[in-house]
N, C-alpha and C. Protein backbone atom coordinates (compact mmCIF):
# COMPACT_ATOMS: atom_id res chain seq x y z
N MET A 1 -271.71 25.92 3.61
CA MET A 1 -272.36 27.20 3.68
C MET A 1 -273.50 27.27 2.66
N ALA A 2 -273.25 26.79 1.42
CA ALA A 2 -274.28 26.82 0.39
C ALA A 2 -275.42 25.89 0.74
N GLU A 3 -275.09 24.77 1.40
CA GLU A 3 -276.13 23.82 1.79
C GLU A 3 -277.05 24.44 2.83
N ARG A 4 -276.51 25.19 3.75
CA ARG A 4 -277.33 25.83 4.79
C ARG A 4 -278.25 26.90 4.20
N SER A 5 -277.75 27.64 3.20
CA SER A 5 -278.60 28.66 2.57
C SER A 5 -279.71 28.01 1.76
N GLU A 6 -279.42 26.83 1.16
CA GLU A 6 -280.46 26.11 0.43
C GLU A 6 -281.51 25.57 1.39
N GLU A 7 -281.08 25.10 2.58
CA GLU A 7 -282.03 24.61 3.58
C GLU A 7 -282.92 25.74 4.08
N THR A 8 -282.34 26.90 4.28
CA THR A 8 -283.17 28.01 4.73
C THR A 8 -284.13 28.42 3.63
N LEU A 9 -283.73 28.31 2.39
CA LEU A 9 -284.62 28.62 1.28
C LEU A 9 -285.79 27.64 1.26
N ILE A 10 -285.50 26.36 1.49
CA ILE A 10 -286.55 25.35 1.54
C ILE A 10 -287.48 25.61 2.71
N GLU A 11 -286.92 25.97 3.83
CA GLU A 11 -287.75 26.28 5.00
C GLU A 11 -288.63 27.49 4.73
N LYS A 12 -288.10 28.50 4.06
CA LYS A 12 -288.90 29.68 3.72
C LYS A 12 -290.04 29.33 2.78
N ILE A 13 -289.74 28.50 1.79
CA ILE A 13 -290.78 28.09 0.84
C ILE A 13 -291.85 27.29 1.55
N ALA A 14 -291.43 26.36 2.42
CA ALA A 14 -292.40 25.56 3.16
C ALA A 14 -293.23 26.44 4.07
N GLY A 15 -292.63 27.45 4.66
CA GLY A 15 -293.37 28.37 5.53
C GLY A 15 -294.40 29.17 4.75
N LYS A 16 -294.06 29.61 3.56
CA LYS A 16 -295.00 30.37 2.73
C LYS A 16 -296.16 29.48 2.28
N VAL A 17 -295.86 28.23 1.95
CA VAL A 17 -296.91 27.32 1.50
C VAL A 17 -297.91 27.04 2.61
N HIS A 18 -297.41 26.88 3.84
CA HIS A 18 -298.29 26.55 4.97
C HIS A 18 -298.89 27.77 5.63
N GLY A 19 -298.62 28.93 5.10
CA GLY A 19 -299.27 30.14 5.59
C GLY A 19 -298.63 30.76 6.80
N SER A 20 -297.42 30.48 7.06
CA SER A 20 -296.74 31.11 8.20
C SER A 20 -295.48 31.80 7.68
N ASP A 21 -295.02 32.78 8.43
CA ASP A 21 -293.79 33.46 8.01
C ASP A 21 -292.58 32.72 8.54
N SER A 22 -291.38 33.12 8.11
CA SER A 22 -290.17 32.39 8.46
C SER A 22 -289.78 32.57 9.92
N SER A 23 -290.35 33.55 10.62
CA SER A 23 -289.97 33.75 12.01
C SER A 23 -290.77 32.88 12.97
N SER A 24 -291.85 32.25 12.49
CA SER A 24 -292.66 31.43 13.39
C SER A 24 -291.96 30.10 13.65
N ASP A 25 -292.38 29.45 14.71
CA ASP A 25 -291.76 28.20 15.12
C ASP A 25 -292.39 26.99 14.44
N SER A 26 -293.45 27.18 13.67
CA SER A 26 -294.13 26.02 13.07
C SER A 26 -293.24 25.32 12.06
N VAL A 27 -292.39 26.06 11.37
CA VAL A 27 -291.49 25.44 10.41
C VAL A 27 -290.42 24.64 11.14
N HIS A 28 -289.93 25.17 12.27
CA HIS A 28 -288.86 24.49 13.00
C HIS A 28 -289.37 23.34 13.85
N ASN A 29 -290.67 23.28 14.13
CA ASN A 29 -291.23 22.20 14.94
C ASN A 29 -291.57 20.97 14.12
N LYS A 30 -291.46 21.04 12.80
CA LYS A 30 -291.80 19.89 11.97
C LYS A 30 -290.75 18.80 12.16
N PRO A 31 -291.16 17.56 12.04
CA PRO A 31 -290.19 16.47 12.18
C PRO A 31 -289.20 16.48 11.03
N LYS A 32 -288.03 15.94 11.28
CA LYS A 32 -286.94 15.91 10.31
C LYS A 32 -287.26 15.00 9.12
N ALA A 33 -288.15 14.01 9.30
CA ALA A 33 -288.47 13.09 8.21
C ALA A 33 -289.12 13.83 7.05
N SER A 34 -289.98 14.79 7.34
CA SER A 34 -290.64 15.51 6.25
C SER A 34 -289.65 16.40 5.51
N GLU A 35 -288.68 16.98 6.23
CA GLU A 35 -287.66 17.78 5.57
C GLU A 35 -286.78 16.92 4.68
N SER A 36 -286.44 15.73 5.12
CA SER A 36 -285.59 14.87 4.31
C SER A 36 -286.35 14.36 3.08
N SER A 37 -287.65 14.09 3.23
CA SER A 37 -288.41 13.65 2.06
C SER A 37 -288.60 14.81 1.09
N LEU A 38 -288.75 16.03 1.62
CA LEU A 38 -288.85 17.20 0.76
C LEU A 38 -287.54 17.41 0.01
N LYS A 39 -286.42 17.22 0.70
CA LYS A 39 -285.11 17.34 0.07
C LYS A 39 -284.94 16.27 -1.01
N ALA A 40 -285.37 15.04 -0.72
CA ALA A 40 -285.22 13.95 -1.67
C ALA A 40 -286.03 14.22 -2.93
N LYS A 41 -287.21 14.79 -2.76
CA LYS A 41 -288.02 15.09 -3.93
C LYS A 41 -287.42 16.22 -4.74
N ILE A 42 -286.84 17.20 -4.08
CA ILE A 42 -286.27 18.33 -4.79
C ILE A 42 -284.93 17.96 -5.41
N TYR A 43 -284.08 17.26 -4.67
CA TYR A 43 -282.74 16.96 -5.15
C TYR A 43 -282.68 15.71 -6.01
N GLY A 44 -283.74 14.87 -6.04
CA GLY A 44 -283.74 13.70 -6.91
C GLY A 44 -283.86 14.14 -8.35
N LEU A 45 -283.25 13.40 -9.27
CA LEU A 45 -283.27 13.75 -10.68
C LEU A 45 -284.70 13.66 -11.19
N PHE A 46 -285.24 14.77 -11.63
CA PHE A 46 -286.59 14.89 -12.15
C PHE A 46 -287.65 14.45 -11.14
N GLY A 47 -287.37 14.54 -9.86
CA GLY A 47 -288.33 14.20 -8.82
C GLY A 47 -288.59 12.71 -8.69
N ARG A 48 -287.65 11.87 -9.12
CA ARG A 48 -287.84 10.42 -9.05
C ARG A 48 -287.73 9.93 -7.63
N GLU A 49 -288.47 8.90 -7.33
CA GLU A 49 -288.35 8.22 -6.05
C GLU A 49 -287.86 6.79 -6.24
N ARG A 50 -287.81 6.32 -7.50
CA ARG A 50 -287.34 4.98 -7.81
C ARG A 50 -286.06 5.06 -8.64
N PRO A 51 -285.24 4.02 -8.63
CA PRO A 51 -284.03 4.04 -9.47
C PRO A 51 -284.39 4.03 -10.96
N VAL A 52 -283.46 4.49 -11.76
CA VAL A 52 -283.68 4.58 -13.21
C VAL A 52 -283.92 3.19 -13.79
N HIS A 53 -283.23 2.18 -13.29
CA HIS A 53 -283.39 0.82 -13.79
C HIS A 53 -284.84 0.36 -13.62
N LYS A 54 -285.45 0.69 -12.50
CA LYS A 54 -286.86 0.31 -12.26
C LYS A 54 -287.79 1.15 -13.12
N VAL A 55 -287.46 2.43 -13.32
CA VAL A 55 -288.30 3.29 -14.15
C VAL A 55 -288.33 2.77 -15.58
N LEU A 56 -287.22 2.26 -16.08
CA LEU A 56 -287.15 1.72 -17.43
C LEU A 56 -287.74 0.33 -17.54
N GLY A 57 -288.27 -0.21 -16.47
CA GLY A 57 -288.93 -1.49 -16.52
C GLY A 57 -288.09 -2.65 -16.04
N GLY A 58 -286.83 -2.41 -15.73
CA GLY A 58 -285.94 -3.47 -15.27
C GLY A 58 -285.70 -4.49 -16.37
N GLY A 59 -284.95 -5.51 -16.07
CA GLY A 59 -284.70 -6.58 -17.02
C GLY A 59 -283.68 -6.22 -18.07
N LYS A 60 -283.69 -7.01 -19.15
CA LYS A 60 -282.68 -6.86 -20.21
C LYS A 60 -282.79 -5.55 -20.97
N PRO A 61 -283.99 -5.05 -21.31
CA PRO A 61 -284.02 -3.76 -22.02
C PRO A 61 -283.40 -2.61 -21.21
N ALA A 62 -283.67 -2.59 -19.91
CA ALA A 62 -283.07 -1.55 -19.07
C ALA A 62 -281.56 -1.75 -18.98
N ASP A 63 -281.10 -3.00 -18.90
CA ASP A 63 -279.66 -3.26 -18.88
C ASP A 63 -278.99 -2.79 -20.16
N LEU A 64 -279.65 -3.01 -21.32
CA LEU A 64 -279.10 -2.55 -22.59
C LEU A 64 -279.03 -1.03 -22.63
N PHE A 65 -280.09 -0.39 -22.20
CA PHE A 65 -280.15 1.07 -22.27
C PHE A 65 -279.16 1.73 -21.32
N LEU A 66 -278.95 1.12 -20.15
CA LEU A 66 -278.03 1.68 -19.15
C LEU A 66 -276.61 1.15 -19.28
N TRP A 67 -276.32 0.38 -20.31
CA TRP A 67 -274.99 -0.16 -20.59
C TRP A 67 -274.47 -1.04 -19.46
N ARG A 68 -275.33 -1.81 -18.85
CA ARG A 68 -274.86 -2.77 -17.83
C ARG A 68 -274.30 -4.01 -18.52
N ASP A 69 -274.86 -4.40 -19.66
CA ASP A 69 -274.33 -5.48 -20.48
C ASP A 69 -273.64 -4.82 -21.67
N LYS A 70 -272.35 -4.58 -21.53
CA LYS A 70 -271.62 -3.75 -22.49
C LYS A 70 -271.55 -4.37 -23.88
N LYS A 71 -271.39 -5.68 -23.98
CA LYS A 71 -271.28 -6.32 -25.30
C LYS A 71 -272.60 -6.22 -26.06
N ALA A 72 -273.70 -6.52 -25.39
CA ALA A 72 -275.00 -6.45 -26.05
C ALA A 72 -275.36 -5.01 -26.41
N SER A 73 -275.05 -4.06 -25.53
CA SER A 73 -275.33 -2.66 -25.81
C SER A 73 -274.51 -2.16 -27.00
N ALA A 74 -273.24 -2.59 -27.06
CA ALA A 74 -272.39 -2.20 -28.19
C ALA A 74 -272.90 -2.82 -29.48
N ALA A 75 -273.40 -4.07 -29.42
CA ALA A 75 -273.94 -4.72 -30.62
C ALA A 75 -275.19 -3.99 -31.12
N VAL A 76 -276.07 -3.60 -30.20
CA VAL A 76 -277.28 -2.86 -30.59
C VAL A 76 -276.91 -1.51 -31.19
N LEU A 77 -275.99 -0.81 -30.56
CA LEU A 77 -275.55 0.49 -31.08
C LEU A 77 -274.88 0.35 -32.44
N GLY A 78 -274.04 -0.67 -32.59
CA GLY A 78 -273.40 -0.91 -33.89
C GLY A 78 -274.40 -1.26 -34.97
N GLY A 79 -275.38 -2.10 -34.64
CA GLY A 79 -276.42 -2.45 -35.61
C GLY A 79 -277.25 -1.25 -36.02
N ALA A 80 -277.62 -0.43 -35.05
CA ALA A 80 -278.39 0.78 -35.37
C ALA A 80 -277.56 1.74 -36.22
N THR A 81 -276.26 1.81 -35.95
CA THR A 81 -275.39 2.68 -36.75
C THR A 81 -275.28 2.18 -38.18
N VAL A 82 -275.15 0.87 -38.36
CA VAL A 82 -275.07 0.29 -39.71
C VAL A 82 -276.37 0.56 -40.46
N ILE A 83 -277.51 0.37 -39.81
CA ILE A 83 -278.80 0.63 -40.44
C ILE A 83 -278.92 2.10 -40.83
N TRP A 84 -278.48 2.99 -39.94
CA TRP A 84 -278.54 4.42 -40.24
C TRP A 84 -277.65 4.77 -41.42
N VAL A 85 -276.43 4.21 -41.45
CA VAL A 85 -275.52 4.49 -42.55
C VAL A 85 -276.11 3.97 -43.86
N LEU A 86 -276.69 2.77 -43.84
CA LEU A 86 -277.27 2.21 -45.06
C LEU A 86 -278.42 3.06 -45.59
N PHE A 87 -279.35 3.40 -44.71
CA PHE A 87 -280.56 4.07 -45.16
C PHE A 87 -280.40 5.57 -45.36
N GLU A 88 -279.63 6.24 -44.53
CA GLU A 88 -279.52 7.69 -44.62
C GLU A 88 -278.35 8.14 -45.49
N LEU A 89 -277.17 7.64 -45.21
CA LEU A 89 -275.99 8.13 -45.93
C LEU A 89 -275.88 7.52 -47.33
N MET A 90 -276.12 6.23 -47.45
CA MET A 90 -275.98 5.57 -48.74
C MET A 90 -277.29 5.53 -49.52
N GLU A 91 -278.36 6.03 -48.93
CA GLU A 91 -279.70 6.06 -49.53
C GLU A 91 -280.14 4.70 -50.04
N TYR A 92 -279.89 3.68 -49.24
CA TYR A 92 -280.31 2.32 -49.52
C TYR A 92 -281.78 2.21 -49.13
N HIS A 93 -282.55 1.37 -49.81
CA HIS A 93 -283.98 1.26 -49.52
C HIS A 93 -284.29 -0.08 -48.87
N LEU A 94 -285.35 -0.10 -48.09
CA LEU A 94 -285.70 -1.30 -47.32
C LEU A 94 -286.03 -2.47 -48.24
N LEU A 95 -286.79 -2.23 -49.29
CA LEU A 95 -287.15 -3.30 -50.20
C LEU A 95 -285.92 -3.89 -50.88
N THR A 96 -284.98 -3.06 -51.24
CA THR A 96 -283.74 -3.53 -51.85
C THR A 96 -282.95 -4.38 -50.85
N LEU A 97 -282.90 -3.93 -49.60
CA LEU A 97 -282.19 -4.68 -48.57
C LEU A 97 -282.83 -6.05 -48.35
N VAL A 98 -284.15 -6.10 -48.29
CA VAL A 98 -284.86 -7.37 -48.10
C VAL A 98 -284.58 -8.31 -49.27
N CYS A 99 -284.65 -7.78 -50.49
CA CYS A 99 -284.39 -8.62 -51.67
C CYS A 99 -282.96 -9.15 -51.68
N HIS A 100 -282.00 -8.30 -51.35
CA HIS A 100 -280.61 -8.75 -51.32
C HIS A 100 -280.38 -9.80 -50.24
N CYS A 101 -281.03 -9.65 -49.08
CA CYS A 101 -280.91 -10.66 -48.02
C CYS A 101 -281.51 -11.99 -48.46
N LEU A 102 -282.66 -11.94 -49.14
CA LEU A 102 -283.27 -13.18 -49.63
C LEU A 102 -282.41 -13.85 -50.69
N ILE A 103 -281.81 -13.08 -51.60
CA ILE A 103 -280.93 -13.65 -52.62
C ILE A 103 -279.70 -14.27 -51.96
N LEU A 104 -279.14 -13.59 -50.97
CA LEU A 104 -277.98 -14.13 -50.26
C LEU A 104 -278.31 -15.44 -49.54
N SER A 105 -279.45 -15.47 -48.86
CA SER A 105 -279.83 -16.70 -48.15
C SER A 105 -280.12 -17.84 -49.12
N LEU A 106 -280.74 -17.54 -50.25
CA LEU A 106 -280.99 -18.57 -51.26
C LEU A 106 -279.67 -19.10 -51.83
N SER A 107 -278.72 -18.21 -52.07
CA SER A 107 -277.41 -18.64 -52.58
C SER A 107 -276.68 -19.52 -51.56
N ILE A 108 -276.73 -19.13 -50.30
CA ILE A 108 -276.08 -19.93 -49.25
C ILE A 108 -276.70 -21.32 -49.16
N LEU A 109 -278.04 -21.38 -49.19
CA LEU A 109 -278.70 -22.68 -49.15
C LEU A 109 -278.37 -23.52 -50.38
N PHE A 110 -278.27 -22.91 -51.55
CA PHE A 110 -277.93 -23.64 -52.77
C PHE A 110 -276.53 -24.23 -52.67
N PHE A 111 -275.55 -23.40 -52.28
CA PHE A 111 -274.18 -23.91 -52.18
C PHE A 111 -274.03 -24.92 -51.06
N TRP A 112 -274.76 -24.75 -49.97
CA TRP A 112 -274.70 -25.71 -48.87
C TRP A 112 -275.25 -27.06 -49.30
N SER A 113 -276.38 -27.05 -50.00
CA SER A 113 -276.96 -28.33 -50.42
C SER A 113 -276.08 -29.03 -51.46
N ASN A 114 -275.38 -28.26 -52.30
CA ASN A 114 -274.47 -28.88 -53.28
C ASN A 114 -273.16 -29.30 -52.63
N ALA A 115 -272.72 -28.62 -51.60
CA ALA A 115 -271.46 -28.97 -50.94
C ALA A 115 -271.60 -30.17 -50.03
N THR A 116 -272.80 -30.56 -49.69
CA THR A 116 -272.98 -31.71 -48.78
C THR A 116 -272.48 -33.01 -49.40
N THR A 117 -272.49 -33.10 -50.70
CA THR A 117 -271.97 -34.32 -51.34
C THR A 117 -270.46 -34.41 -51.18
N PHE A 118 -269.76 -33.28 -51.15
CA PHE A 118 -268.30 -33.28 -51.02
C PHE A 118 -267.85 -33.48 -49.57
N ILE A 119 -268.61 -32.96 -48.61
CA ILE A 119 -268.19 -33.06 -47.22
C ILE A 119 -268.90 -34.19 -46.47
N LYS A 120 -269.66 -34.99 -47.18
CA LYS A 120 -270.33 -36.18 -46.64
C LYS A 120 -271.23 -35.86 -45.45
N LYS A 121 -272.04 -34.84 -45.60
CA LYS A 121 -273.03 -34.50 -44.58
C LYS A 121 -274.40 -34.52 -45.21
N SER A 122 -275.41 -34.53 -44.36
CA SER A 122 -276.78 -34.55 -44.88
C SER A 122 -277.17 -33.16 -45.37
N PRO A 123 -277.95 -33.10 -46.45
CA PRO A 123 -278.37 -31.80 -46.97
C PRO A 123 -279.36 -31.13 -46.00
N PRO A 124 -279.49 -29.82 -46.10
CA PRO A 124 -280.42 -29.13 -45.19
C PRO A 124 -281.86 -29.55 -45.44
N GLN A 125 -282.61 -29.65 -44.37
CA GLN A 125 -284.02 -30.02 -44.46
C GLN A 125 -284.86 -28.76 -44.68
N ILE A 126 -285.25 -28.53 -45.90
CA ILE A 126 -286.06 -27.36 -46.24
C ILE A 126 -287.50 -27.83 -46.40
N PRO A 127 -288.41 -27.28 -45.61
CA PRO A 127 -289.80 -27.74 -45.70
C PRO A 127 -290.45 -27.28 -47.01
N GLN A 128 -291.36 -28.10 -47.50
CA GLN A 128 -292.07 -27.75 -48.73
C GLN A 128 -293.27 -26.88 -48.36
N LEU A 129 -293.31 -25.70 -48.91
CA LEU A 129 -294.39 -24.77 -48.64
C LEU A 129 -295.30 -24.68 -49.85
N SER A 130 -296.60 -24.61 -49.57
CA SER A 130 -297.56 -24.44 -50.66
C SER A 130 -298.75 -23.64 -50.14
N ILE A 131 -299.32 -22.87 -51.05
CA ILE A 131 -300.50 -22.06 -50.72
C ILE A 131 -301.68 -22.72 -51.40
N SER A 132 -302.76 -22.87 -50.67
CA SER A 132 -303.93 -23.54 -51.24
C SER A 132 -304.60 -22.65 -52.28
N GLU A 133 -305.23 -23.29 -53.23
CA GLU A 133 -305.90 -22.57 -54.30
C GLU A 133 -307.10 -21.78 -53.77
N ASP A 134 -307.79 -22.34 -52.79
CA ASP A 134 -308.95 -21.66 -52.22
C ASP A 134 -308.56 -20.32 -51.57
N LEU A 135 -307.43 -20.30 -50.88
CA LEU A 135 -306.97 -19.06 -50.24
C LEU A 135 -306.69 -17.98 -51.29
N VAL A 136 -306.02 -18.35 -52.37
CA VAL A 136 -305.69 -17.40 -53.42
C VAL A 136 -306.96 -16.90 -54.10
N VAL A 137 -307.91 -17.80 -54.36
CA VAL A 137 -309.17 -17.41 -55.01
C VAL A 137 -309.96 -16.46 -54.11
N ASN A 138 -310.01 -16.75 -52.81
CA ASN A 138 -310.74 -15.86 -51.89
C ASN A 138 -310.10 -14.48 -51.81
N ILE A 139 -308.78 -14.43 -51.77
CA ILE A 139 -308.08 -13.14 -51.74
C ILE A 139 -308.36 -12.37 -53.03
N ALA A 140 -308.31 -13.06 -54.18
CA ALA A 140 -308.56 -12.41 -55.46
C ALA A 140 -309.99 -11.90 -55.55
N ARG A 141 -310.95 -12.67 -55.04
CA ARG A 141 -312.36 -12.23 -55.06
C ARG A 141 -312.57 -11.00 -54.20
N SER A 142 -312.01 -11.00 -53.00
CA SER A 142 -312.21 -9.85 -52.12
C SER A 142 -311.50 -8.61 -52.67
N LEU A 143 -310.34 -8.80 -53.28
CA LEU A 143 -309.63 -7.70 -53.90
C LEU A 143 -310.41 -7.15 -55.10
N ARG A 144 -310.98 -8.04 -55.91
CA ARG A 144 -311.80 -7.62 -57.05
C ARG A 144 -313.02 -6.85 -56.59
N PHE A 145 -313.66 -7.31 -55.50
CA PHE A 145 -314.84 -6.62 -54.97
C PHE A 145 -314.49 -5.21 -54.51
N GLU A 146 -313.39 -5.06 -53.79
CA GLU A 146 -312.99 -3.74 -53.29
C GLU A 146 -312.60 -2.79 -54.43
N ILE A 147 -311.92 -3.32 -55.44
CA ILE A 147 -311.56 -2.48 -56.58
C ILE A 147 -312.80 -2.03 -57.33
N ASN A 148 -313.75 -2.93 -57.56
CA ASN A 148 -314.99 -2.56 -58.25
C ASN A 148 -315.79 -1.55 -57.46
N ARG A 149 -315.85 -1.71 -56.15
CA ARG A 149 -316.58 -0.76 -55.30
C ARG A 149 -315.92 0.63 -55.36
N SER A 150 -314.61 0.66 -55.32
CA SER A 150 -313.89 1.94 -55.41
C SER A 150 -314.11 2.61 -56.76
N LEU A 151 -314.08 1.82 -57.83
CA LEU A 151 -314.32 2.37 -59.16
C LEU A 151 -315.74 2.91 -59.30
N ALA A 152 -316.71 2.23 -58.69
CA ALA A 152 -318.10 2.71 -58.74
C ALA A 152 -318.24 4.04 -58.00
N ILE A 153 -317.58 4.17 -56.86
CA ILE A 153 -317.63 5.43 -56.10
C ILE A 153 -316.96 6.54 -56.90
N LEU A 154 -315.82 6.26 -57.50
CA LEU A 154 -315.13 7.27 -58.30
C LEU A 154 -315.96 7.69 -59.51
N ARG A 155 -316.64 6.73 -60.15
CA ARG A 155 -317.50 7.05 -61.30
C ARG A 155 -318.66 7.92 -60.88
N GLU A 156 -319.25 7.62 -59.72
CA GLU A 156 -320.37 8.41 -59.22
C GLU A 156 -319.93 9.84 -58.91
N ILE A 157 -318.77 9.98 -58.32
CA ILE A 157 -318.26 11.31 -57.98
C ILE A 157 -317.91 12.08 -59.27
N ALA A 158 -317.23 11.39 -60.22
CA ALA A 158 -316.80 12.06 -61.44
C ALA A 158 -317.98 12.47 -62.32
N SER A 159 -319.06 11.72 -62.30
CA SER A 159 -320.21 12.05 -63.14
C SER A 159 -321.01 13.21 -62.58
N GLY A 160 -320.76 13.61 -61.34
CA GLY A 160 -321.39 14.79 -60.77
C GLY A 160 -322.76 14.54 -60.19
N HIS A 161 -323.11 13.31 -59.89
CA HIS A 161 -324.42 13.01 -59.32
C HIS A 161 -324.54 13.41 -57.86
N ASP A 162 -323.44 13.39 -57.14
CA ASP A 162 -323.50 13.68 -55.70
C ASP A 162 -322.47 14.76 -55.37
N LEU A 163 -322.90 16.03 -55.40
CA LEU A 163 -322.01 17.15 -55.13
C LEU A 163 -321.50 17.13 -53.70
N LYS A 164 -322.36 16.75 -52.75
CA LYS A 164 -321.97 16.72 -51.35
C LYS A 164 -320.83 15.72 -51.12
N LYS A 165 -320.93 14.55 -51.72
CA LYS A 165 -319.87 13.54 -51.58
C LYS A 165 -318.59 14.01 -52.26
N PHE A 166 -318.72 14.68 -53.41
CA PHE A 166 -317.55 15.22 -54.11
C PHE A 166 -316.80 16.21 -53.24
N LEU A 167 -317.54 17.15 -52.65
CA LEU A 167 -316.90 18.15 -51.81
C LEU A 167 -316.33 17.53 -50.54
N ALA A 168 -317.02 16.54 -49.98
CA ALA A 168 -316.55 15.89 -48.75
C ALA A 168 -315.28 15.08 -49.02
N ASP A 169 -315.21 14.43 -50.16
CA ASP A 169 -314.04 13.62 -50.48
C ASP A 169 -312.81 14.46 -50.77
N PHE A 170 -312.99 15.67 -51.21
CA PHE A 170 -311.86 16.53 -51.52
C PHE A 170 -311.55 17.53 -50.43
N GLY A 171 -312.03 17.29 -49.22
CA GLY A 171 -311.61 18.09 -48.09
C GLY A 171 -312.41 19.36 -47.86
N PHE A 172 -313.54 19.51 -48.51
CA PHE A 172 -314.37 20.68 -48.31
C PHE A 172 -315.48 20.41 -47.32
N SER A 173 -315.31 19.41 -46.49
CA SER A 173 -316.38 19.04 -45.56
C SER A 173 -316.60 20.11 -44.49
N GLN A 174 -315.58 20.95 -44.21
CA GLN A 174 -315.78 22.01 -43.22
C GLN A 174 -316.75 23.06 -43.78
N LEU A 175 -316.74 23.26 -45.08
CA LEU A 175 -317.66 24.24 -45.66
C LEU A 175 -319.11 23.77 -45.56
N LEU A 176 -319.29 22.44 -45.70
CA LEU A 176 -320.64 21.91 -45.65
C LEU A 176 -321.11 21.62 -44.24
N GLY A 177 -320.17 21.43 -43.34
CA GLY A 177 -320.53 21.06 -41.97
C GLY A 177 -320.92 19.62 -41.84
N ALA A 178 -320.44 18.79 -42.76
CA ALA A 178 -320.79 17.37 -42.75
C ALA A 178 -319.52 16.54 -42.60
N ALA A 179 -319.71 15.31 -42.18
CA ALA A 179 -318.60 14.37 -42.06
C ALA A 179 -318.23 13.87 -43.46
N PRO A 180 -316.94 13.51 -43.69
CA PRO A 180 -316.55 13.00 -45.00
C PRO A 180 -317.24 11.69 -45.31
N ALA A 181 -317.55 11.48 -46.56
CA ALA A 181 -318.22 10.24 -46.98
C ALA A 181 -317.24 9.10 -46.95
N SER A 182 -317.75 7.92 -46.61
CA SER A 182 -316.87 6.76 -46.56
C SER A 182 -317.18 5.80 -47.67
């Protein structure tokens, strides 16, 4: 009974949209395919025409989000919960976490390389890393240049030579009608 009243409501709405009243035959002469597509658009969740898996892009991310792979979804949820507990409830910081992970990995590598003599296995192959002197010098030069340029701009502003730049740098650019200085 409720379904029939909803269908008549849809027919009335369609009749009003097409400029005819509910007593005319134009609403009843329409093919059933258009009524079913209208129903599908209205009764589909948020007007979707595709499955949720396809809307989410399909593949593994959609499987994780829709809990089709329960073990992987539980692992992601558990990991996110642990991260939330660490950062929000225990007020742990990211830099501290990174440092502790690096110390732990260094300790594991140290004990593993020393334990290889007792268990008669080959020690871990750790590659030798080095940074070239030219790279460090170039980074230091560019950093020095940027710091000196910033100090020169700050000195110019502080000495009062450029009032417009001073006001623009401190957010008064709307009063002047000018763009902030860069």
